[in-house]
Amino acid sequence: MGPAERKPLLDRWMSRSSASEDERMDRAERMVKAAIDAHPAFDGYRSSIKVYAKGSYANQTNVRADSDVDVVVENRDLYYYRYNPTSSAPAPDPNASPYTGRWDDKAEWRTEVTKALINAFGATQVDTSGKVALTIAEVPGSRPSADVVPSFEFRRFDAADRSVVHHGSRVFSTDGKAIDNFPAQQKSNGVEKDRVTSGRYKKYVRALKSAENYLAENGIISDLPSYFMECLVSNVPNHAITTGYSVDDGFRATLAHLLTNLIPDNFDKNEWREPNGLKWLFADDSKWTRDDGLLLCWRTWEHLGYQS
């Protein structure tokens, strides 16, 4: 594939979802918020409940093949926390006073969010089988599917005196695992990286997501989480992303950087972070591996004809 063939393909791969698709996603988010607002069990707590979108839709890195919406329903009546590193935790801990409000039972929060969604959308439209998210079914032409995550406020203290704090979100899976995320930091870091790369960063995230969709659909690689592609591109230096006069030049340089740094001889997992800047990308419990990233980038490189 030469430059003339690549241009229309990359233009398509880098494009965002259409305005009508964005409106469908906006509608899904609004409907979830309305469901929470209407639930009687939340009377007296509404000012402590925040409903917001996260993920590719919120960060404008969504592509047309991945048109679902991630919506967080976050309880801020209490917060969970940890010290990083844990050895910095003061003794006695000033946050040790137990919460005595209604939501001390984590399962009750998930139960009430589930009831709110079922009341609004109907039992047949809400899939509760997932360990983390509650999934609202798509209505073609009206709204996409939505993954609703019942969460709590989370704070990570990076100093014993709590002078350095990162605000995030914690969700408890149905098997009791605590999962911490930092969607606000992911969004702000992405906006800044996109600004300093003249809009190329998010285009290249969408291009790599589109490449993964194509490669997976054709059995060339296994399916990978959409977020992984954003993670990979976020680790590419700005000077590589802005290489050359064309987006073709820059995307080639982006893939070249990833390929070079994902091969075993050059790989250092301590140099890779998620877009939020606060979590390791290749942690022991990650849903992906270095090999996944290397294969994805290599097959994309081959498909686009950059090896010739």
C-alpha atoms as a PDB file:
ATOM      1  CA  MET A   1       0.000   0.000   0.000  1.00  0.00           C
ATOM      2  CA  GLY A   2       1.451   3.340  -1.063  1.00  0.00           C
ATOM      3  CA  PRO A   3       0.822   6.888   0.219  1.00  0.00           C
ATOM      4  CA  ALA A   4      -2.010   7.504  -2.256  1.00  0.00           C
ATOM      5  CA  GLU A   5      -3.859   4.408  -0.996  1.00  0.00           C
ATOM      6  CA  ARG A   6      -3.096   5.087   2.656  1.00  0.00           C
ATOM      7  CA  LYS A   7      -4.478   8.621   2.704  1.00  0.00           C
ATOM      8  CA  PRO A   8      -8.197   7.801   2.304  1.00  0.00           C
ATOM      9  CA  LEU A   9      -7.839   4.842   4.678  1.00  0.00           C
ATOM     10  CA  LEU A  10      -6.140   6.925   7.369  1.00  0.00           C
ATOM     11  CA  ASP A  11      -8.649   9.744   6.874  1.00  0.00           C
ATOM     12  CA  ARG A  12     -11.426   7.249   7.558  1.00  0.00           C
ATOM     13  CA  TRP A  13      -9.619   5.605  10.466  1.00  0.00           C
ATOM     14  CA  MET A  14      -8.849   8.922  12.149  1.00  0.00           C
ATOM     15  CA  SER A  15     -12.353  10.354  11.880  1.00  0.00           C
ATOM     16  CA  ARG A  16     -14.654  10.640  14.871  1.00  0.00           C
ATOM     17  CA  SER A  17     -18.147   9.270  15.081  1.00  0.00           C
ATOM     18  CA  SER A  18     -20.762  11.322  13.259  1.00  0.00           C
ATOM     19  CA  ALA A  19     -22.839  14.112  14.787  1.00  0.00           C
ATOM     20  CA  SER A  20     -25.899  11.852  14.824  1.00  0.00           C
ATOM     21  CA  GLU A  21     -23.941   9.138  16.651  1.00  0.00           C
ATOM     22  CA  ASP A  22     -22.733  11.712  19.171  1.00  0.00           C
ATOM     23  CA  GLU A  23     -26.321  12.759  19.794  1.00  0.00           C
ATOM     24  CA  ARG A  24     -27.290   9.119  20.426  1.00  0.00           C
ATOM     25  CA  MET A  25     -24.481   8.842  22.970  1.00  0.00           C
ATOM     26  CA  ASP A  26     -25.483  12.102  24.630  1.00  0.00           C
ATOM     27  CA  ARG A  27     -29.014  10.742  24.883  1.00  0.00           C
ATOM     28  CA  ALA A  28     -27.831   7.567  26.610  1.00  0.00           C
ATOM     29  CA  GLU A  29     -25.922   9.599  29.191  1.00  0.00           C
ATOM     30  CA  ARG A  30     -28.930  11.871  29.820  1.00  0.00           C
ATOM     31  CA  MET A  31     -31.248   8.883  30.242  1.00  0.00           C
ATOM     32  CA  VAL A  32     -28.983   7.291  32.838  1.00  0.00           C
ATOM     33  CA  LYS A  33     -28.858  10.564  34.768  1.00  0.00           C
ATOM     34  CA  ALA A  34     -32.647  10.865  34.608  1.00  0.00           C
ATOM     35  CA  ALA A  35     -32.992   7.304  35.934  1.00  0.00           C
ATOM     36  CA  ILE A  36     -30.787   8.120  38.924  1.00  0.00           C
ATOM     37  CA  ASP A  37     -32.600  11.414  39.550  1.00  0.00           C
ATOM     38  CA  ALA A  38     -35.969   9.639  39.603  1.00  0.00           C
ATOM     39  CA  HIS A  39     -35.045   6.875  42.053  1.00  0.00           C
ATOM     40  CA  PRO A  40     -36.666   7.473  45.483  1.00  0.00           C
ATOM     41  CA  ALA A  41     -33.896   5.671  47.383  1.00  0.00           C
ATOM     42  CA  PHE A  42     -31.545   8.529  46.545  1.00  0.00           C
ATOM     43  CA  ASP A  43     -33.697  11.206  48.179  1.00  0.00           C
ATOM     44  CA  GLY A  44     -31.516  13.204  50.537  1.00  0.00           C
ATOM     45  CA  TYR A  45     -28.316  12.134  48.773  1.00  0.00           C
ATOM     46  CA  ARG A  46     -28.710  13.686  45.324  1.00  0.00           C
ATOM     47  CA  SER A  47     -26.123  16.402  45.905  1.00  0.00           C
ATOM     48  CA  SER A  48     -23.589  13.651  46.670  1.00  0.00           C
ATOM     49  CA  ILE A  49     -24.256  11.667  43.481  1.00  0.00           C
ATOM     50  CA  LYS A  50     -22.380  12.570  40.300  1.00  0.00           C
ATOM     51  CA  VAL A  51     -23.239  11.039  36.931  1.00  0.00           C
ATOM     52  CA  TYR A  52     -20.712  11.547  34.149  1.00  0.00           C
ATOM     53  CA  ALA A  53     -19.360   9.905  31.018  1.00  0.00           C
ATOM     54  CA  LYS A  54     -15.861   8.507  30.842  1.00  0.00           C
ATOM     55  CA  GLY A  55     -13.858   6.505  28.314  1.00  0.00           C
ATOM     56  CA  SER A  56     -13.492   7.079  24.590  1.00  0.00           C
ATOM     57  CA  TYR A  57     -16.761   8.995  24.171  1.00  0.00           C
ATOM     58  CA  ALA A  58     -15.885  11.489  26.903  1.00  0.00           C
ATOM     59  CA  ASN A  59     -12.327  11.800  25.592  1.00  0.00           C
ATOM     60  CA  GLN A  60     -13.331  12.134  21.920  1.00  0.00           C
ATOM     61  CA  THR A  61     -11.274   9.119  20.895  1.00  0.00           C
ATOM     62  CA  ASN A  62     -14.275   7.002  19.916  1.00  0.00           C
ATOM     63  CA  VAL A  63     -14.591   5.487  16.466  1.00  0.00           C
ATOM     64  CA  ARG A  64     -17.717   4.422  14.650  1.00  0.00           C
ATOM     65  CA  ALA A  65     -17.197   0.714  15.240  1.00  0.00           C
ATOM     66  CA  ASP A  66     -17.103   1.250  19.013  1.00  0.00           C
ATOM     67  CA  SER A  67     -20.223   3.247  19.703  1.00  0.00           C
ATOM     68  CA  ASP A  68     -21.018   2.365  23.313  1.00  0.00           C
ATOM     69  CA  VAL A  69     -20.973   4.786  26.238  1.00  0.00           C
ATOM     70  CA  ASP A  70     -19.344   4.387  29.653  1.00  0.00           C
ATOM     71  CA  VAL A  71     -21.259   6.212  32.385  1.00  0.00           C
ATOM     72  CA  VAL A  72     -20.120   6.494  35.995  1.00  0.00           C
ATOM     73  CA  VAL A  73     -22.652   6.834  38.813  1.00  0.00           C
ATOM     74  CA  GLU A  74     -20.397   8.017  41.603  1.00  0.00           C
ATOM     75  CA  ASN A  75     -21.301   8.151  45.294  1.00  0.00           C
ATOM     76  CA  ARG A  76     -19.478  11.035  46.995  1.00  0.00           C
ATOM     77  CA  ASP A  77     -21.235  10.737  50.334  1.00  0.00           C
ATOM     78  CA  LEU A  78     -18.084   8.895  51.392  1.00  0.00           C
ATOM     79  CA  TYR A  79     -14.731   8.176  49.858  1.00  0.00           C
ATOM     80  CA  TYR A  80     -12.233   5.355  49.826  1.00  0.00           C
ATOM     81  CA  TYR A  81      -8.520   6.044  49.907  1.00  0.00           C
ATOM     82  CA  ARG A  82      -5.034   4.634  50.028  1.00  0.00           C
ATOM     83  CA  TYR A  83      -1.550   5.960  50.540  1.00  0.00           C
ATOM     84  CA  ASN A  84       1.050   5.598  47.797  1.00  0.00           C
ATOM     85  CA  PRO A  85       3.372   4.069  48.708  1.00  0.00           C
ATOM     86  CA  THR A  86       1.543   2.294  51.507  1.00  0.00           C
ATOM     87  CA  SER A  87       4.597   2.777  53.735  1.00  0.00           C
ATOM     88  CA  SER A  88       3.822   6.499  53.836  1.00  0.00           C
ATOM     89  CA  ALA A  89       0.549   5.970  55.726  1.00  0.00           C
ATOM     90  CA  PRO A  90       0.655   7.852  59.028  1.00  0.00           C
ATOM     91  CA  ALA A  91      -0.048   6.130  62.308  1.00  0.00           C
ATOM     92  CA  PRO A  92      -2.571   6.678  63.672  1.00  0.00           C
ATOM     93  CA  ASP A  93      -4.253   7.321  60.332  1.00  0.00           C
ATOM     94  CA  PRO A  94      -6.305  10.577  60.382  1.00  0.00           C
ATOM     95  CA  ASN A  95      -8.830   9.023  57.991  1.00  0.00           C
ATOM     96  CA  ALA A  96      -9.487   5.991  60.181  1.00  0.00           C
ATOM     97  CA  SER A  97     -12.854   7.199  61.559  1.00  0.00           C
ATOM     98  CA  PRO A  98     -15.468   4.860  60.102  1.00  0.00           C
ATOM     99  CA  TYR A  99     -18.212   6.131  57.836  1.00  0.00           C
ATOM    100  CA  THR A 100     -21.597   5.812  59.536  1.00  0.00           C
ATOM    101  CA  GLY A 101     -23.964   6.772  56.718  1.00  0.00           C
ATOM    102  CA  ARG A 102     -26.270   4.619  54.663  1.00  0.00           C
ATOM    103  CA  TRP A 103     -23.755   3.467  52.087  1.00  0.00           C
ATOM    104  CA  ASP A 104     -21.314   1.613  54.333  1.00  0.00           C
ATOM    105  CA  ASP A 105     -22.599  -1.541  52.633  1.00  0.00           C
ATOM    106  CA  LYS A 106     -20.915  -1.394  49.192  1.00  0.00           C
ATOM    107  CA  ALA A 107     -23.356  -3.934  47.779  1.00  0.00           C
ATOM    108  CA  GLU A 108     -26.350  -1.740  48.661  1.00  0.00           C
ATOM    109  CA  TRP A 109     -25.062   1.050  46.428  1.00  0.00           C
ATOM    110  CA  ARG A 110     -24.827  -1.295  43.449  1.00  0.00           C
ATOM    111  CA  THR A 111     -28.253  -2.733  44.278  1.00  0.00           C
ATOM    112  CA  GLU A 112     -29.951   0.668  44.314  1.00  0.00           C
ATOM    113  CA  VAL A 113     -28.269   1.818  41.101  1.00  0.00           C
ATOM    114  CA  THR A 114     -29.467  -1.420  39.498  1.00  0.00           C
ATOM    115  CA  LYS A 115     -33.027  -0.810  40.708  1.00  0.00           C
ATOM    116  CA  ALA A 116     -32.934   2.738  39.340  1.00  0.00           C
ATOM    117  CA  LEU A 117     -31.910   1.502  35.885  1.00  0.00           C
ATOM    118  CA  ILE A 118     -34.464  -1.312  35.841  1.00  0.00           C
ATOM    119  CA  ASN A 119     -37.236   1.080  36.882  1.00  0.00           C
ATOM    120  CA  ALA A 120     -36.322   3.406  34.023  1.00  0.00           C
ATOM    121  CA  PHE A 121     -35.392   0.991  31.226  1.00  0.00           C
ATOM    122  CA  GLY A 122     -37.097  -2.293  32.148  1.00  0.00           C
ATOM    123  CA  ALA A 123     -35.637  -5.536  33.446  1.00  0.00           C
ATOM    124  CA  THR A 124     -35.122  -6.985  29.977  1.00  0.00           C
ATOM    125  CA  GLN A 125     -33.003  -3.984  28.961  1.00  0.00           C
ATOM    126  CA  VAL A 126     -30.521  -4.137  31.866  1.00  0.00           C
ATOM    127  CA  ASP A 127     -27.879  -6.856  31.949  1.00  0.00           C
ATOM    128  CA  THR A 128     -26.643  -7.359  35.506  1.00  0.00           C
ATOM    129  CA  SER A 129     -24.369 -10.332  34.812  1.00  0.00           C
ATOM    130  CA  GLY A 130     -21.149  -8.320  34.493  1.00  0.00           C
ATOM    131  CA  LYS A 131     -18.728  -8.208  37.402  1.00  0.00           C
ATOM    132  CA  VAL A 132     -18.142  -4.467  37.058  1.00  0.00           C
ATOM    133  CA  ALA A 133     -20.622  -2.671  34.802  1.00  0.00           C
ATOM    134  CA  LEU A 134     -24.380  -2.832  34.390  1.00  0.00           C
ATOM    135  CA  THR A 135     -25.146  -2.838  30.665  1.00  0.00           C
ATOM    136  CA  ILE A 136     -28.183  -1.112  29.174  1.00  0.00           C
ATOM    137  CA  ALA A 137     -29.131  -2.574  25.819  1.00  0.00           C
ATOM    138  CA  GLU A 138     -28.903  -0.584  22.606  1.00  0.00           C
ATOM    139  CA  VAL A 139     -32.030   0.727  20.914  1.00  0.00           C
ATOM    140  CA  PRO A 140     -31.074   1.019  17.220  1.00  0.00           C
ATOM    141  CA  GLY A 141     -31.540   4.523  15.918  1.00  0.00           C
ATOM    142  CA  SER A 142     -32.206   5.922  19.398  1.00  0.00           C
ATOM    143  CA  ARG A 143     -29.331   5.160  21.768  1.00  0.00           C
ATOM    144  CA  PRO A 144     -26.219   2.965  21.888  1.00  0.00           C
ATOM    145  CA  SER A 145     -25.548   0.429  24.595  1.00  0.00           C
ATOM    146  CA  ALA A 146     -24.310   1.945  27.836  1.00  0.00           C
ATOM    147  CA  ASP A 147     -22.052   0.454  30.493  1.00  0.00           C
ATOM    148  CA  VAL A 148     -23.037   1.953  33.838  1.00  0.00           C
ATOM    149  CA  VAL A 149     -20.446   1.713  36.614  1.00  0.00           C
ATOM    150  CA  PRO A 150     -21.676   2.151  40.234  1.00  0.00           C
ATOM    151  CA  SER A 151     -18.661   3.774  41.887  1.00  0.00           C
ATOM    152  CA  PHE A 152     -17.446   5.664  44.930  1.00  0.00           C
ATOM    153  CA  GLU A 153     -15.161   8.651  45.220  1.00  0.00           C
ATOM    154  CA  PHE A 154     -11.526   7.602  45.638  1.00  0.00           C
ATOM    155  CA  ARG A 155      -8.494   9.544  46.819  1.00  0.00           C
ATOM    156  CA  ARG A 156      -4.870   8.525  46.464  1.00  0.00           C
ATOM    157  CA  PHE A 157      -2.546  10.289  48.874  1.00  0.00           C
ATOM    158  CA  ASP A 158       1.039  10.520  47.687  1.00  0.00           C
ATOM    159  CA  ALA A 159       2.284  12.129  50.909  1.00  0.00           C
ATOM    160  CA  ALA A 160       1.818  11.104  54.524  1.00  0.00           C
ATOM    161  CA  ASP A 161       0.404  14.534  55.433  1.00  0.00           C
ATOM    162  CA  ARG A 162      -2.128  14.251  52.591  1.00  0.00           C
ATOM    163  CA  SER A 163      -0.721  17.377  50.918  1.00  0.00           C
ATOM    164  CA  VAL A 164      -0.536  15.494  47.594  1.00  0.00           C
ATOM    165  CA  VAL A 165      -3.846  13.927  46.623  1.00  0.00           C
ATOM    166  CA  HIS A 166      -5.272  12.570  43.373  1.00  0.00           C
ATOM    167  CA  HIS A 167      -9.058  12.335  43.122  1.00  0.00           C
ATOM    168  CA  GLY A 168     -10.414   9.345  41.266  1.00  0.00           C
ATOM    169  CA  SER A 169     -13.162   6.749  41.248  1.00  0.00           C
ATOM    170  CA  ARG A 170     -13.335   3.296  42.829  1.00  0.00           C
ATOM    171  CA  VAL A 171     -15.662   0.504  41.766  1.00  0.00           C
ATOM    172  CA  PHE A 172     -16.052  -2.804  43.569  1.00  0.00           C
ATOM    173  CA  SER A 173     -16.589  -5.782  41.295  1.00  0.00           C
ATOM    174  CA  THR A 174     -19.123  -8.396  42.311  1.00  0.00           C
ATOM    175  CA  ASP A 175     -16.269 -10.675  43.388  1.00  0.00           C
ATOM    176  CA  GLY A 176     -15.000  -8.009  45.797  1.00  0.00           C
ATOM    177  CA  LYS A 177     -12.092  -6.575  43.828  1.00  0.00           C
ATOM    178  CA  ALA A 178     -11.467  -2.825  44.157  1.00  0.00           C
ATOM    179  CA  ILE A 179     -10.676  -1.112  40.834  1.00  0.00           C
ATOM    180  CA  ASP A 180      -9.382   2.456  40.923  1.00  0.00           C
ATOM    181  CA  ASN A 181      -9.466   4.819  37.958  1.00  0.00           C
ATOM    182  CA  PHE A 182      -8.673   8.463  37.321  1.00  0.00           C
ATOM    183  CA  PRO A 183     -10.957   9.626  34.479  1.00  0.00           C
ATOM    184  CA  ALA A 184     -10.527  13.357  35.126  1.00  0.00           C
ATOM    185  CA  GLN A 185      -6.741  13.124  34.827  1.00  0.00           C
ATOM    186  CA  GLN A 186      -7.053  10.990  31.693  1.00  0.00           C
ATOM    187  CA  LYS A 187      -9.280  13.617  30.105  1.00  0.00           C
ATOM    188  CA  SER A 188      -7.157  16.640  31.019  1.00  0.00           C
ATOM    189  CA  ASN A 189      -3.905  14.940  29.963  1.00  0.00           C
ATOM    190  CA  GLY A 190      -5.473  13.955  26.654  1.00  0.00           C
ATOM    191  CA  VAL A 191      -6.703  17.476  25.961  1.00  0.00           C
ATOM    192  CA  GLU A 192      -3.229  18.880  26.622  1.00  0.00           C
ATOM    193  CA  LYS A 193      -1.416  16.255  24.528  1.00  0.00           C
ATOM    194  CA  ASP A 194      -3.826  16.831  21.671  1.00  0.00           C
ATOM    195  CA  ARG A 195      -3.218  20.592  21.905  1.00  0.00           C
ATOM    196  CA  VAL A 196       0.573  20.404  21.798  1.00  0.00           C
ATOM    197  CA  THR A 197       0.466  17.921  18.890  1.00  0.00           C
ATOM    198  CA  SER A 198      -1.910  20.131  16.852  1.00  0.00           C
ATOM    199  CA  GLY A 199      -4.739  17.623  17.075  1.00  0.00           C
ATOM    200  CA  ARG A 200      -2.733  14.623  15.941  1.00  0.00           C
ATOM    201  CA  TYR A 201      -2.750  12.714  19.237  1.00  0.00           C
ATOM    202  CA  LYS A 202      -6.461  11.870  19.265  1.00  0.00           C
ATOM    203  CA  LYS A 203      -6.432  11.211  15.524  1.00  0.00           C
ATOM    204  CA  TYR A 204      -3.717   8.610  16.014  1.00  0.00           C
ATOM    205  CA  VAL A 205      -5.572   7.026  18.928  1.00  0.00           C
ATOM    206  CA  ARG A 206      -8.618   6.659  16.692  1.00  0.00           C
ATOM    207  CA  ALA A 207      -6.451   5.328  13.845  1.00  0.00           C
ATOM    208  CA  LEU A 208      -4.931   2.631  16.051  1.00  0.00           C
ATOM    209  CA  LYS A 209      -8.363   1.704  17.404  1.00  0.00           C
ATOM    210  CA  SER A 210      -9.664   1.416  13.840  1.00  0.00           C
ATOM    211  CA  ALA A 211      -6.652  -0.693  12.892  1.00  0.00           C
ATOM    212  CA  GLU A 212      -7.307  -3.033  15.814  1.00  0.00           C
ATOM    213  CA  ASN A 213     -10.957  -3.366  14.801  1.00  0.00           C
ATOM    214  CA  TYR A 214      -9.962  -4.281  11.241  1.00  0.00           C
ATOM    215  CA  LEU A 215      -7.240  -6.730  12.284  1.00  0.00           C
ATOM    216  CA  ALA A 216      -9.431  -8.435  14.882  1.00  0.00           C
ATOM    217  CA  GLU A 217     -12.434  -8.696  12.542  1.00  0.00           C
ATOM    218  CA  ASN A 218     -10.215 -10.418   9.984  1.00  0.00           C
ATOM    219  CA  GLY A 219      -8.704 -12.856  12.480  1.00  0.00           C
ATOM    220  CA  ILE A 220      -5.198 -11.394  12.228  1.00  0.00           C
ATOM    221  CA  ILE A 221      -5.002 -10.553  15.943  1.00  0.00           C
ATOM    222  CA  SER A 222      -7.196 -11.193  18.980  1.00  0.00           C
ATOM    223  CA  ASP A 223      -9.619  -8.557  20.248  1.00  0.00           C
ATOM    224  CA  LEU A 224      -8.053  -5.986  22.556  1.00  0.00           C
ATOM    225  CA  PRO A 225      -9.728  -3.466  24.893  1.00  0.00           C
ATOM    226  CA  SER A 226     -10.270  -0.132  23.149  1.00  0.00           C
ATOM    227  CA  TYR A 227      -8.579   1.683  26.020  1.00  0.00           C
ATOM    228  CA  PHE A 228      -5.289  -0.127  25.345  1.00  0.00           C
ATOM    229  CA  MET A 229      -4.788   1.719  22.060  1.00  0.00           C
ATOM    230  CA  GLU A 230      -5.194   5.071  23.781  1.00  0.00           C
ATOM    231  CA  CYS A 231      -2.686   3.925  26.388  1.00  0.00           C
ATOM    232  CA  LEU A 232      -0.118   3.021  23.745  1.00  0.00           C
ATOM    233  CA  VAL A 233      -0.329   6.288  21.823  1.00  0.00           C
ATOM    234  CA  SER A 234      -0.253   8.325  25.029  1.00  0.00           C
ATOM    235  CA  ASN A 235       3.251   6.939  25.667  1.00  0.00           C
ATOM    236  CA  VAL A 236       4.600   8.223  22.349  1.00  0.00           C
ATOM    237  CA  PRO A 237       6.660  11.436  22.685  1.00  0.00           C
ATOM    238  CA  ASN A 238       5.095  14.533  21.178  1.00  0.00           C
ATOM    239  CA  HIS A 239       8.018  15.033  18.792  1.00  0.00           C
ATOM    240  CA  ALA A 240       7.343  11.628  17.215  1.00  0.00           C
ATOM    241  CA  ILE A 241       3.624  12.322  16.859  1.00  0.00           C
ATOM    242  CA  THR A 242       4.309  15.640  15.107  1.00  0.00           C
ATOM    243  CA  THR A 243       6.956  14.219  12.756  1.00  0.00           C
ATOM    244  CA  GLY A 244       6.675  15.317   9.109  1.00  0.00           C
ATOM    245  CA  TYR A 245       4.204  17.453   7.247  1.00  0.00           C
ATOM    246  CA  SER A 246       1.436  14.880   6.913  1.00  0.00           C
ATOM    247  CA  VAL A 247      -0.524  12.726   9.335  1.00  0.00           C
ATOM    248  CA  ASP A 248       0.823   9.758   7.356  1.00  0.00           C
ATOM    249  CA  ASP A 249       4.379  10.732   8.315  1.00  0.00           C
ATOM    250  CA  GLY A 250       3.410  11.220  11.943  1.00  0.00           C
ATOM    251  CA  PHE A 251       1.461   7.973  12.256  1.00  0.00           C
ATOM    252  CA  ARG A 252       4.373   6.071  10.747  1.00  0.00           C
ATOM    253  CA  ALA A 253       6.724   7.678  13.302  1.00  0.00           C
ATOM    254  CA  THR A 254       4.252   6.873  16.083  1.00  0.00           C
ATOM    255  CA  LEU A 255       4.144   3.191  15.150  1.00  0.00           C
ATOM    256  CA  ALA A 256       7.932   3.131  14.710  1.00  0.00           C
ATOM    257  CA  HIS A 257       8.419   4.475  18.241  1.00  0.00           C
ATOM    258  CA  LEU A 258       6.031   1.899  19.686  1.00  0.00           C
ATOM    259  CA  LEU A 259       7.635  -0.974  17.780  1.00  0.00           C
ATOM    260  CA  THR A 260      11.119   0.060  18.834  1.00  0.00           C
ATOM    261  CA  ASN A 261      10.215   0.317  22.503  1.00  0.00           C
ATOM    262  CA  LEU A 262       8.011  -2.780  22.711  1.00  0.00           C
ATOM    263  CA  ILE A 263      10.633  -5.245  21.474  1.00  0.00           C
ATOM    264  CA  PRO A 264      12.061  -7.269  24.382  1.00  0.00           C
ATOM    265  CA  ASP A 265      15.584  -5.813  24.207  1.00  0.00           C
ATOM    266  CA  ASN A 266      14.313  -2.241  24.635  1.00  0.00           C
ATOM    267  CA  PHE A 267      11.231  -2.772  26.784  1.00  0.00           C
ATOM    268  CA  ASP A 268      11.147  -1.319  30.298  1.00  0.00           C
ATOM    269  CA  LYS A 269       7.698  -1.636  31.875  1.00  0.00           C
ATOM    270  CA  ASN A 270       8.545   1.144  34.341  1.00  0.00           C
ATOM    271  CA  GLU A 271       8.517   3.649  31.470  1.00  0.00           C
ATOM    272  CA  TRP A 272       4.914   2.963  30.472  1.00  0.00           C
ATOM    273  CA  ARG A 273       1.899   4.576  32.141  1.00  0.00           C
ATOM    274  CA  GLU A 274      -1.803   4.852  31.428  1.00  0.00           C
ATOM    275  CA  PRO A 275      -3.032   8.193  30.003  1.00  0.00           C
ATOM    276  CA  ASN A 276      -3.983   9.355  33.490  1.00  0.00           C
ATOM    277  CA  GLY A 277      -0.267   9.308  34.380  1.00  0.00           C
ATOM    278  CA  LEU A 278      -1.005   7.599  37.702  1.00  0.00           C
ATOM    279  CA  LYS A 279      -1.182   3.890  36.880  1.00  0.00           C
ATOM    280  CA  TRP A 280       1.336   1.515  35.322  1.00  0.00           C
ATOM    281  CA  LEU A 281       0.287   0.350  31.874  1.00  0.00           C
ATOM    282  CA  PHE A 282       1.810  -3.100  32.098  1.00  0.00           C
ATOM    283  CA  ALA A 283       0.876  -4.087  35.639  1.00  0.00           C
ATOM    284  CA  ASP A 284       0.607  -7.723  36.673  1.00  0.00           C
ATOM    285  CA  ASP A 285      -3.206  -7.599  36.545  1.00  0.00           C
ATOM    286  CA  SER A 286      -3.490  -5.765  33.204  1.00  0.00           C
ATOM    287  CA  LYS A 287      -5.881  -7.020  30.537  1.00  0.00           C
ATOM    288  CA  TRP A 288      -3.092  -6.830  27.936  1.00  0.00           C
ATOM    289  CA  THR A 289       0.591  -7.647  27.562  1.00  0.00           C
ATOM    290  CA  ARG A 290       3.647  -6.220  25.851  1.00  0.00           C
ATOM    291  CA  ASP A 291       3.267  -8.939  23.201  1.00  0.00           C
ATOM    292  CA  ASP A 292      -0.277  -7.732  22.470  1.00  0.00           C
ATOM    293  CA  GLY A 293       0.973  -4.211  21.826  1.00  0.00           C
ATOM    294  CA  LEU A 294       3.910  -5.365  19.718  1.00  0.00           C
ATOM    295  CA  LEU A 295       1.758  -7.597  17.518  1.00  0.00           C
ATOM    296  CA  LEU A 296      -0.909  -4.923  17.071  1.00  0.00           C
ATOM    297  CA  CYS A 297       1.644  -2.302  15.991  1.00  0.00           C
ATOM    298  CA  TRP A 298       3.522  -4.686  13.712  1.00  0.00           C
ATOM    299  CA  ARG A 299       0.393  -5.915  11.923  1.00  0.00           C
ATOM    300  CA  THR A 300      -0.795  -2.309  11.537  1.00  0.00           C
ATOM    301  CA  TRP A 301       2.612  -1.371  10.108  1.00  0.00           C
ATOM    302  CA  GLU A 302       2.396  -4.266   7.637  1.00  0.00           C
ATOM    303  CA  HIS A 303      -1.187  -3.527   6.618  1.00  0.00           C
ATOM    304  CA  LEU A 304      -0.366   0.111   5.873  1.00  0.00           C
ATOM    305  CA  GLY A 305       2.671  -0.859   3.796  1.00  0.00           C
ATOM    306  CA  TYR A 306       5.193   1.070   5.865  1.00  0.00           C
ATOM    307  CA  GLN A 307       7.749  -1.743   5.544  1.00  0.00           C
ATOM    308  CA  SER A 308       8.237  -1.106   1.828  1.00  0.00           C
END
